[in-house]
Amino acid sequence: MAATFFEPDHTYTRRRWRFQCLAVAPSPFDGEIRAVGFLYRPGEPATATAMDMENWELDEWIDTPSERQP
C-alpha cells in the first residue's frame, strides 16, 4: 500500500533533494498536518523545514533508504 503522506523516520527523494522526516503533527496555528524534518541535497548543509499536503501531492517525493549526513 502506498503512503498517503510523509512518515517519521523515513527519507524521501525528489530529484536532487532529500527530506528526512522526523515527525508529523498538526500546525498549532491552523491545524494543518505538517511533516517536520531536514531538507538537503547530498553533500550540502541541511535546513530544518516543514512540508504540507501540497508538497506531498505535487512534488512527487519517493520513499528511499535513510542516509546519514556527514
C-alpha atoms as a PDB file:
ATOM      1  CA  MET A   1       0.000   0.000   0.000  1.00  0.00           C
ATOM      2  CA  ALA A   2       1.377   3.388  -0.986  1.00  0.00           C
ATOM      3  CA  ALA A   3       1.923   6.031   1.652  1.00  0.00           C
ATOM      4  CA  THR A   4      -0.529   8.922   1.706  1.00  0.00           C
ATOM      5  CA  PHE A   5       1.829  11.408   3.399  1.00  0.00           C
ATOM      6  CA  PHE A   6       5.356  11.710   4.781  1.00  0.00           C
ATOM      7  CA  GLU A   7       6.128   9.314   7.637  1.00  0.00           C
ATOM      8  CA  PRO A   8       8.517   9.829  10.580  1.00  0.00           C
ATOM      9  CA  ASP A   9      11.873   8.042  10.346  1.00  0.00           C
ATOM     10  CA  HIS A  10      11.700   7.943   6.526  1.00  0.00           C
ATOM     11  CA  THR A  11      13.841   9.777   3.982  1.00  0.00           C
ATOM     12  CA  TYR A  12      12.280  10.917   0.713  1.00  0.00           C
ATOM     13  CA  THR A  13      13.884  11.897  -2.603  1.00  0.00           C
ATOM     14  CA  ARG A  14      12.733  14.410  -5.197  1.00  0.00           C
ATOM     15  CA  ARG A  15      15.243  14.858  -7.997  1.00  0.00           C
ATOM     16  CA  ARG A  16      18.423  16.035  -6.190  1.00  0.00           C
ATOM     17  CA  TRP A  17      16.633  16.929  -2.951  1.00  0.00           C
ATOM     18  CA  ARG A  18      16.223  14.764   0.161  1.00  0.00           C
ATOM     19  CA  PHE A  19      13.758  15.245   3.003  1.00  0.00           C
ATOM     20  CA  GLN A  20      14.410  13.365   6.241  1.00  0.00           C
ATOM     21  CA  CYS A  21      11.090  13.320   8.120  1.00  0.00           C
ATOM     22  CA  LEU A  22      11.404  13.475  11.909  1.00  0.00           C
ATOM     23  CA  ALA A  23       7.758  13.982  12.958  1.00  0.00           C
ATOM     24  CA  VAL A  24       4.235  14.549  11.664  1.00  0.00           C
ATOM     25  CA  ALA A  25       1.894  16.789  13.645  1.00  0.00           C
ATOM     26  CA  PRO A  26      -0.810  19.442  13.250  1.00  0.00           C
ATOM     27  CA  SER A  27       0.326  23.053  12.991  1.00  0.00           C
ATOM     28  CA  PRO A  28      -0.564  24.946  16.176  1.00  0.00           C
ATOM     29  CA  PHE A  29      -1.653  27.913  14.056  1.00  0.00           C
ATOM     30  CA  ASP A  30      -4.118  26.389  11.587  1.00  0.00           C
ATOM     31  CA  GLY A  31      -4.353  22.661  12.403  1.00  0.00           C
ATOM     32  CA  GLU A  32      -2.938  21.654   9.013  1.00  0.00           C
ATOM     33  CA  ILE A  33      -0.904  18.439   9.219  1.00  0.00           C
ATOM     34  CA  ARG A  34       2.813  19.092   8.651  1.00  0.00           C
ATOM     35  CA  ALA A  35       5.833  16.860   8.305  1.00  0.00           C
ATOM     36  CA  VAL A  36       8.834  18.346  10.107  1.00  0.00           C
ATOM     37  CA  GLY A  37      12.396  17.390   9.236  1.00  0.00           C
ATOM     38  CA  PHE A  38      15.541  18.269   7.343  1.00  0.00           C
ATOM     39  CA  LEU A  39      15.659  19.270   3.667  1.00  0.00           C
ATOM     40  CA  TYR A  40      19.023  18.906   1.926  1.00  0.00           C
ATOM     41  CA  ARG A  41      20.998  17.909  -1.122  1.00  0.00           C
ATOM     42  CA  PRO A  42      23.699  15.295  -0.545  1.00  0.00           C
ATOM     43  CA  GLY A  43      26.989  16.940   0.373  1.00  0.00           C
ATOM     44  CA  GLU A  44      25.340  20.229   1.379  1.00  0.00           C
ATOM     45  CA  PRO A  45      24.078  21.527   4.753  1.00  0.00           C
ATOM     46  CA  ALA A  46      20.543  20.572   5.800  1.00  0.00           C
ATOM     47  CA  THR A  47      17.819  23.070   6.684  1.00  0.00           C
ATOM     48  CA  ALA A  48      15.033  22.403   9.179  1.00  0.00           C
ATOM     49  CA  THR A  49      11.674  22.759   7.428  1.00  0.00           C
ATOM     50  CA  ALA A  50       8.032  21.672   7.395  1.00  0.00           C
ATOM     51  CA  MET A  51       6.173  20.104   4.481  1.00  0.00           C
ATOM     52  CA  ASP A  52       2.411  20.136   3.994  1.00  0.00           C
ATOM     53  CA  MET A  53      -0.046  18.048   1.968  1.00  0.00           C
ATOM     54  CA  GLU A  54       0.522  20.207  -1.107  1.00  0.00           C
ATOM     55  CA  ASN A  55       4.250  19.379  -1.015  1.00  0.00           C
ATOM     56  CA  TRP A  56       3.386  15.675  -0.807  1.00  0.00           C
ATOM     57  CA  GLU A  57       0.868  15.728  -3.651  1.00  0.00           C
ATOM     58  CA  LEU A  58       2.683  17.997  -6.115  1.00  0.00           C
ATOM     59  CA  ASP A  59       6.380  17.357  -5.545  1.00  0.00           C
ATOM     60  CA  GLU A  60       6.411  13.579  -6.228  1.00  0.00           C
ATOM     61  CA  TRP A  61       8.537  12.521  -3.252  1.00  0.00           C
ATOM     62  CA  ILE A  62       9.769   8.919  -3.300  1.00  0.00           C
ATOM     63  CA  ASP A  63      10.470   6.980  -0.088  1.00  0.00           C
ATOM     64  CA  THR A  64      14.165   5.995  -0.146  1.00  0.00           C
ATOM     65  CA  PRO A  65      16.573   4.296   2.249  1.00  0.00           C
ATOM     66  CA  SER A  66      17.806   6.591   5.022  1.00  0.00           C
ATOM     67  CA  GLU A  67      21.002   8.494   4.504  1.00  0.00           C
ATOM     68  CA  ARG A  68      23.145   9.982   7.235  1.00  0.00           C
ATOM     69  CA  GLN A  69      24.514  13.450   6.773  1.00  0.00           C
ATOM     70  CA  PRO A  70      28.316  13.568   7.236  1.00  0.00           C
END
